[in-house]
Amino acid sequence: MDMNTIEAVVRTEDPADWRAGDAWLAGGTVLFSYGSFAFGKEPLRRLLDLGSTGWPAVTVSDAGIELAATCTVAELYALPASDTGRSHAACWPALELVRPCCDSFVASFKVWNMSTVGGNLCTSLPAGPMTSLCAALDGVATVLGPGGASRTVPVAEFVTGDGRNCLAPGELLRKVQLPASALASRVAFRRLSLSNLGRSGVLLIGRLDADGGLVLTVTAATTRPVHLRFAAPSGASTSPAALAEALDAAIPDGLYHDDIHGLPAWRKDMTYRLAEEIRDELASPAGVPPVRVSGDFWPPQGAAARPRHTVTPQAAPPQDLPQQEGA
């Protein structure tokens, strides 16, 4: 951490306090890693600290789930096993996505207790798992601006590229709303990495809505989230050929990400493979285990499963699980 240019830390949640040389501070896990030149050639001079906002981390209502930008990964991970999560598990099957997405950070509990949902979205890396989760569930972000301004933007449109998003200077991500209609959908998850528990190279989430419409969200493989929607009632019975054709049309080769965590050609091949696995899983009757699961963290072991970082003295009993394939 090299932030020897910081002159002041200001506790505020008001965008009117922002000026050139400022950066919003939530968990700080990325900001402190990048240092004073995190956002360009000009060094940061002040940090606007959101630590005392008092925003409720998770708010559940009939309309869905509201996640504060300051909600930590640990707080989100705890949701499915909480009383609230268990009471909504039957009517909101998409809660099963929370823990696989949190696990996709492949970070220690120390990071989980500091890193925030909003920070991950605003960092806007292709592999950001909070982008994957919120975009796949039709999340809507509320953005605050100077002078009491407020606007909303779908999370799928919030991230615009590798490390880029739609925030203007001084704007602040306040919260993300996940609608009950998306949470009520049946879901499937796939993730691949080039190394064991490495950064996501490809992360796809499928959603089968109550009306039979199919929604596929591609992240990590692409520099920004990509939504594919297959309308009801034919969405649930989309053919492999139609799915491949839709991927061809939605994702030009230049949109596939290229870095040390995966070449574009590999990311493209795996996107088509995982998309077909998701299509096949959601086309099968509910409760039927998927025939093939590439990657990790899926199927989930249930909302009441023990915390990921807990060590137990005895091994769990063997289970009949579908075929698991790494990358």
Protein backbone atom coordinates (compact mmCIF):
# COMPACT_ATOMS: atom_id res chain seq x y z
CA MET A 1 0.00 0.00 0.00
CA ASP A 2 1.49 3.32 -1.08
CA MET A 3 -0.87 6.22 -0.32
CA ASN A 4 1.52 8.84 1.01
CA THR A 5 -0.28 11.59 -0.93
CA ILE A 6 -3.46 11.46 1.17
CA GLU A 7 -3.98 14.73 3.05
CA ALA A 8 -7.35 14.04 4.69
CA VAL A 9 -9.95 11.36 5.33
CA VAL A 10 -13.46 12.83 5.37
CA ARG A 11 -16.44 10.97 6.78
CA THR A 12 -19.28 11.72 4.39
CA GLU A 13 -21.89 10.19 2.14
CA ASP A 14 -22.75 13.42 0.34
CA PRO A 15 -21.55 13.67 -3.28
CA ALA A 16 -21.52 17.45 -2.83
CA ASP A 17 -18.35 17.01 -0.74
CA TRP A 18 -16.47 15.41 -3.63
CA ARG A 19 -13.75 17.34 -5.47
CA ALA A 20 -10.96 16.49 -7.88
CA GLY A 21 -8.39 14.25 -6.21
CA ASP A 22 -10.98 12.44 -4.06
CA ALA A 23 -11.91 8.78 -3.95
CA TRP A 24 -14.83 7.10 -2.20
CA LEU A 25 -13.67 4.64 0.46
CA ALA A 26 -15.82 1.65 1.44
CA GLY A 27 -13.92 -1.56 2.25
CA GLY A 28 -10.74 -0.30 0.61
CA THR A 29 -9.48 -3.74 -0.40
CA VAL A 30 -8.80 -2.63 -3.98
CA LEU A 31 -8.13 1.06 -3.32
CA PHE A 32 -5.38 0.32 -0.81
CA SER A 33 -3.89 -2.25 -3.16
CA TYR A 34 -3.74 0.17 -6.10
CA GLY A 35 -2.34 3.08 -4.07
CA SER A 36 -2.38 6.83 -4.64
CA PHE A 37 -2.37 6.51 -8.42
CA ALA A 38 -5.32 4.14 -8.56
CA PHE A 39 -7.26 6.33 -10.99
CA GLY A 40 -4.66 7.83 -13.28
CA LYS A 41 -1.59 10.02 -13.36
CA GLU A 42 -2.88 12.48 -10.77
CA PRO A 43 -2.48 11.23 -7.18
CA LEU A 44 -5.36 11.00 -4.75
CA ARG A 45 -5.51 13.73 -2.11
CA ARG A 46 -8.53 12.78 0.00
CA LEU A 47 -10.56 9.71 0.87
CA LEU A 48 -14.31 10.13 1.41
CA ASP A 49 -15.02 7.48 4.04
CA LEU A 50 -18.40 5.70 3.89
CA GLY A 51 -17.70 3.70 7.03
CA SER A 52 -20.16 5.59 9.23
CA THR A 53 -23.13 5.80 6.86
CA GLY A 54 -25.18 3.31 8.86
CA TRP A 55 -26.84 1.96 5.72
CA PRO A 56 -28.49 -1.42 6.44
CA ALA A 57 -26.40 -4.05 4.65
CA VAL A 58 -29.32 -6.22 3.49
CA THR A 59 -32.98 -5.27 3.45
CA VAL A 60 -35.58 -7.89 2.48
CA SER A 61 -39.14 -7.01 1.52
CA ASP A 62 -41.91 -8.34 -0.70
CA ALA A 63 -40.34 -6.34 -3.55
CA GLY A 64 -37.04 -8.20 -3.29
CA ILE A 65 -33.63 -7.67 -1.72
CA GLU A 66 -31.87 -4.34 -1.34
CA LEU A 67 -28.09 -4.48 -0.95
CA ALA A 68 -26.33 -1.39 0.35
CA ALA A 69 -23.17 -0.49 -1.52
CA THR A 70 -21.38 -0.93 1.82
CA CYS A 71 -22.72 -4.49 2.35
CA THR A 72 -19.68 -6.72 2.84
CA VAL A 73 -19.17 -10.06 1.13
CA ALA A 74 -19.36 -11.73 4.55
CA GLU A 75 -22.74 -10.13 5.26
CA LEU A 76 -24.08 -11.20 1.88
CA TYR A 77 -22.72 -14.73 2.29
CA ALA A 78 -24.59 -15.05 5.59
CA LEU A 79 -27.95 -14.23 4.00
CA PRO A 80 -29.04 -17.70 2.74
CA ALA A 81 -28.44 -19.30 6.16
CA SER A 82 -30.12 -16.49 8.11
CA ASP A 83 -33.69 -16.75 9.38
CA THR A 84 -34.75 -14.38 6.61
CA GLY A 85 -32.95 -16.38 3.95
CA ARG A 86 -34.36 -19.71 5.08
CA SER A 87 -37.89 -18.30 5.23
CA HIS A 88 -37.61 -17.12 1.61
CA ALA A 89 -35.69 -20.09 0.19
CA ALA A 90 -38.76 -21.88 -1.15
CA CYS A 91 -40.19 -18.86 -2.97
CA TRP A 92 -36.83 -17.39 -4.02
CA PRO A 93 -34.75 -20.26 -5.50
CA ALA A 94 -32.22 -17.76 -6.89
CA LEU A 95 -30.86 -17.28 -3.37
CA GLU A 96 -28.81 -20.36 -4.27
CA LEU A 97 -26.61 -18.08 -6.37
CA VAL A 98 -25.42 -15.98 -3.44
CA ARG A 99 -22.84 -18.35 -2.03
CA PRO A 100 -21.36 -19.59 -5.34
CA CYS A 101 -20.88 -15.96 -6.38
CA CYS A 102 -19.27 -15.06 -3.04
CA ASP A 103 -17.05 -18.14 -3.30
CA SER A 104 -15.95 -16.89 -6.72
CA PHE A 105 -13.91 -14.20 -4.97
CA VAL A 106 -11.58 -17.05 -3.89
CA ALA A 107 -10.46 -14.68 -1.15
CA SER A 108 -9.78 -15.17 2.55
CA PHE A 109 -12.26 -14.34 5.30
CA LYS A 110 -10.17 -11.24 6.05
CA VAL A 111 -11.01 -9.86 2.62
CA TRP A 112 -14.64 -11.00 2.90
CA ASN A 113 -15.09 -8.95 6.08
CA MET A 114 -13.92 -5.75 4.37
CA SER A 115 -14.67 -6.05 0.65
CA THR A 116 -18.07 -4.64 -0.32
CA VAL A 117 -20.70 -5.31 -2.96
CA GLY A 118 -20.49 -1.70 -4.13
CA GLY A 119 -16.71 -1.73 -4.22
CA ASN A 120 -16.67 -4.80 -6.43
CA LEU A 121 -19.17 -3.24 -8.82
CA CYS A 122 -17.29 0.05 -8.98
CA THR A 123 -13.94 -1.64 -9.56
CA SER A 124 -15.69 -3.09 -12.62
CA LEU A 125 -13.30 -5.92 -13.38
CA PRO A 126 -14.71 -8.49 -15.84
CA ALA A 127 -14.37 -11.21 -13.18
CA GLY A 128 -16.21 -9.24 -10.49
CA PRO A 129 -18.62 -11.80 -9.01
CA MET A 130 -20.96 -9.17 -7.55
CA THR A 131 -21.42 -7.87 -11.08
CA SER A 132 -22.25 -11.43 -12.15
CA LEU A 133 -24.78 -11.93 -9.35
CA CYS A 134 -26.52 -8.57 -9.61
CA ALA A 135 -26.60 -8.46 -13.41
CA ALA A 136 -28.00 -11.99 -13.63
CA LEU A 137 -30.84 -11.11 -11.23
CA ASP A 138 -31.82 -7.92 -13.10
CA GLY A 139 -30.32 -5.79 -10.35
CA VAL A 140 -30.91 -2.05 -10.53
CA ALA A 141 -28.30 0.30 -9.09
CA THR A 142 -29.16 3.62 -7.46
CA VAL A 143 -26.52 6.28 -8.09
CA LEU A 144 -26.33 9.53 -6.12
CA GLY A 145 -24.90 12.75 -7.50
CA PRO A 146 -24.17 16.29 -6.30
CA GLY A 147 -27.10 18.55 -5.50
CA GLY A 148 -29.37 15.73 -4.38
CA ALA A 149 -29.40 14.10 -7.82
CA SER A 150 -30.33 10.45 -8.05
CA ARG A 151 -30.65 8.05 -10.96
CA THR A 152 -31.05 4.33 -11.51
CA VAL A 153 -29.25 2.09 -13.98
CA PRO A 154 -29.44 -1.67 -14.57
CA VAL A 155 -26.35 -3.39 -13.23
CA ALA A 156 -25.95 -5.08 -16.63
CA GLU A 157 -25.36 -1.57 -18.04
CA PHE A 158 -23.44 -0.18 -15.04
CA VAL A 159 -20.18 -1.89 -16.03
CA THR A 160 -19.17 -0.70 -19.49
CA GLY A 161 -15.77 -2.34 -19.95
CA ASP A 162 -12.63 -3.63 -18.23
CA GLY A 163 -12.29 -1.34 -15.22
CA ARG A 164 -14.87 1.08 -16.62
CA ASN A 165 -18.40 1.97 -15.54
CA CYS A 166 -21.07 4.61 -16.03
CA LEU A 167 -20.25 6.70 -12.94
CA ALA A 168 -19.47 10.35 -13.54
CA PRO A 169 -16.85 12.09 -11.33
CA GLY A 170 -18.21 12.46 -7.82
CA GLU A 171 -21.17 10.11 -8.27
CA LEU A 172 -21.72 7.49 -5.59
CA LEU A 173 -23.25 4.02 -5.84
CA ARG A 174 -25.79 3.85 -3.03
CA LYS A 175 -27.51 0.47 -3.37
CA VAL A 176 -28.62 -2.35 -5.64
CA GLN A 177 -32.19 -3.66 -5.76
CA LEU A 178 -32.71 -7.32 -6.73
CA PRO A 179 -36.38 -7.76 -7.74
CA ALA A 180 -38.51 -10.54 -6.32
CA SER A 181 -39.51 -11.63 -9.84
CA ALA A 182 -35.90 -12.56 -10.65
CA LEU A 183 -35.27 -14.10 -7.22
CA ALA A 184 -38.28 -16.38 -7.80
CA SER A 185 -36.63 -17.88 -10.89
CA ARG A 186 -34.97 -21.25 -11.16
CA VAL A 187 -31.22 -20.75 -11.73
CA ALA A 188 -28.04 -22.47 -12.87
CA PHE A 189 -24.43 -21.39 -12.39
CA ARG A 190 -21.15 -22.23 -14.12
CA ARG A 191 -17.64 -20.91 -13.52
CA LEU A 192 -14.23 -21.84 -14.94
CA SER A 193 -10.71 -20.73 -14.12
CA LEU A 194 -7.37 -21.67 -15.64
CA SER A 195 -6.00 -22.50 -12.19
CA ASN A 196 -7.41 -24.20 -9.14
CA LEU A 197 -9.42 -21.56 -7.27
CA GLY A 198 -8.04 -18.85 -9.55
CA ARG A 199 -9.70 -15.72 -10.88
CA SER A 200 -12.82 -16.46 -12.91
CA GLY A 201 -12.07 -16.76 -16.62
CA VAL A 202 -15.68 -17.53 -17.54
CA LEU A 203 -18.77 -17.13 -15.35
CA LEU A 204 -22.28 -17.74 -16.68
CA ILE A 205 -25.61 -17.67 -14.87
CA GLY A 206 -28.87 -18.92 -16.32
CA ARG A 207 -32.35 -18.03 -15.11
CA LEU A 208 -35.65 -19.67 -15.98
CA ASP A 209 -38.47 -17.26 -15.15
CA ALA A 210 -41.93 -18.29 -14.04
CA ASP A 211 -43.37 -17.63 -17.50
CA GLY A 212 -40.83 -19.94 -19.16
CA GLY A 213 -38.51 -17.20 -20.41
CA LEU A 214 -34.81 -18.00 -20.33
CA VAL A 215 -32.19 -15.39 -19.38
CA LEU A 216 -28.48 -16.10 -19.79
CA THR A 217 -25.87 -13.70 -18.38
CA VAL A 218 -22.26 -13.94 -19.53
CA THR A 219 -19.55 -12.37 -17.36
CA ALA A 220 -15.79 -12.78 -16.76
CA ALA A 221 -15.37 -14.09 -20.32
CA THR A 222 -16.39 -10.67 -21.66
CA THR A 223 -15.21 -7.19 -20.74
CA ARG A 224 -18.75 -6.24 -19.72
CA PRO A 225 -21.87 -8.26 -18.83
CA VAL A 226 -23.90 -9.64 -21.73
CA HIS A 227 -27.58 -10.56 -21.39
CA LEU A 228 -29.32 -13.02 -23.71
CA ARG A 229 -33.09 -13.31 -23.35
CA PHE A 230 -35.22 -16.02 -24.91
CA ALA A 231 -38.86 -15.10 -24.63
CA ALA A 232 -41.57 -17.29 -23.15
CA PRO A 233 -42.97 -19.78 -23.79
CA SER A 234 -40.21 -21.09 -26.05
CA GLY A 235 -37.36 -19.93 -23.80
CA ALA A 236 -37.32 -23.11 -21.77
CA SER A 237 -37.06 -25.24 -24.92
CA THR A 238 -34.43 -23.19 -26.76
CA SER A 239 -32.43 -25.49 -29.02
CA PRO A 240 -28.63 -25.80 -28.84
CA ALA A 241 -28.39 -24.36 -32.34
CA ALA A 242 -30.54 -21.36 -31.45
CA LEU A 243 -28.46 -20.75 -28.33
CA ALA A 244 -25.21 -20.84 -30.29
CA GLU A 245 -26.66 -18.51 -32.91
CA ALA A 246 -27.73 -16.05 -30.21
CA LEU A 247 -24.24 -16.09 -28.69
CA ASP A 248 -22.76 -15.41 -32.13
CA ALA A 249 -24.99 -12.36 -32.51
CA ALA A 250 -24.60 -11.00 -28.98
CA ILE A 251 -20.85 -11.33 -28.46
CA PRO A 252 -18.43 -10.22 -31.18
CA ASP A 253 -14.93 -11.64 -30.88
CA GLY A 254 -13.59 -8.27 -29.74
CA LEU A 255 -15.78 -8.36 -26.64
CA TYR A 256 -14.05 -11.43 -25.17
CA HIS A 257 -11.55 -10.46 -22.49
CA ASP A 258 -7.83 -11.00 -23.02
CA ASP A 259 -5.47 -11.21 -20.05
CA ILE A 260 -3.28 -13.65 -18.14
CA HIS A 261 -6.37 -15.42 -16.81
CA GLY A 262 -7.51 -16.62 -20.24
CA LEU A 263 -7.11 -16.03 -23.94
CA PRO A 264 -10.17 -14.80 -25.86
CA ALA A 265 -10.41 -18.01 -27.93
CA TRP A 266 -10.53 -20.15 -24.77
CA ARG A 267 -13.06 -17.86 -23.11
CA LYS A 268 -15.26 -18.02 -26.21
CA ASP A 269 -15.11 -21.81 -26.43
CA MET A 270 -15.92 -22.19 -22.74
CA THR A 271 -18.76 -19.66 -22.96
CA TYR A 272 -20.49 -21.82 -25.58
CA ARG A 273 -19.82 -24.98 -23.56
CA LEU A 274 -21.13 -23.60 -20.27
CA ALA A 275 -24.10 -21.94 -21.95
CA GLU A 276 -25.15 -25.30 -23.37
CA GLU A 277 -24.76 -26.96 -19.96
CA ILE A 278 -26.99 -24.30 -18.42
CA ARG A 279 -29.56 -24.61 -21.21
CA ASP A 280 -29.66 -28.37 -20.72
CA GLU A 281 -29.96 -28.09 -16.93
CA LEU A 282 -32.83 -25.60 -17.03
CA ALA A 283 -34.61 -27.53 -19.78
CA SER A 284 -34.78 -30.56 -17.47
CA PRO A 285 -37.50 -30.90 -14.83
CA ALA A 286 -36.85 -29.09 -11.56
CA GLY A 287 -35.08 -31.30 -9.04
CA VAL A 288 -33.26 -33.38 -11.65
CA PRO A 289 -29.48 -33.08 -11.06
CA PRO A 290 -27.51 -31.74 -14.02
CA VAL A 291 -25.80 -34.40 -16.10
CA ARG A 292 -22.62 -32.39 -16.50
CA VAL A 293 -21.18 -29.55 -14.42
CA SER A 294 -17.94 -27.93 -15.53
CA GLY A 295 -16.14 -25.85 -12.93
CA ASP A 296 -16.73 -25.42 -9.21
CA PHE A 297 -19.13 -24.14 -6.52
CA TRP A 298 -22.18 -25.79 -8.17
CA PRO A 299 -24.54 -27.43 -7.31
CA PRO A 300 -24.84 -25.60 -3.97
CA GLN A 301 -24.83 -27.67 -0.82
CA GLY A 302 -27.90 -25.92 0.59
CA ALA A 303 -28.52 -22.63 2.37
CA ALA A 304 -27.79 -24.19 5.75
CA ALA A 305 -24.42 -25.59 4.72
CA ARG A 306 -21.55 -24.88 7.10
CA PRO A 307 -19.57 -21.66 6.45
CA ARG A 308 -16.86 -22.05 3.85
CA HIS A 309 -14.03 -21.17 6.23
CA THR A 310 -15.09 -23.47 9.08
CA VAL A 311 -12.91 -26.53 9.67
CA THR A 312 -14.66 -29.68 10.91
CA PRO A 313 -12.81 -32.64 12.44
CA GLN A 314 -14.71 -35.25 10.42
CA ALA A 315 -15.14 -35.52 6.69
CA ALA A 316 -18.62 -35.16 5.32
CA PRO A 317 -20.32 -38.40 4.23
CA PRO A 318 -19.93 -39.22 0.56
CA GLN A 319 -22.65 -37.94 -1.74
CA ASP A 320 -23.78 -38.88 -5.20
CA LEU A 321 -22.85 -35.77 -7.12
CA PRO A 322 -22.94 -35.11 -10.86
CA GLN A 323 -19.74 -35.20 -12.85
CA GLN A 324 -17.43 -32.32 -11.91
CA GLU A 325 -14.93 -31.01 -14.41
CA GLY A 326 -12.26 -28.41 -13.84
CA ALA A 327 -10.70 -26.16 -16.43
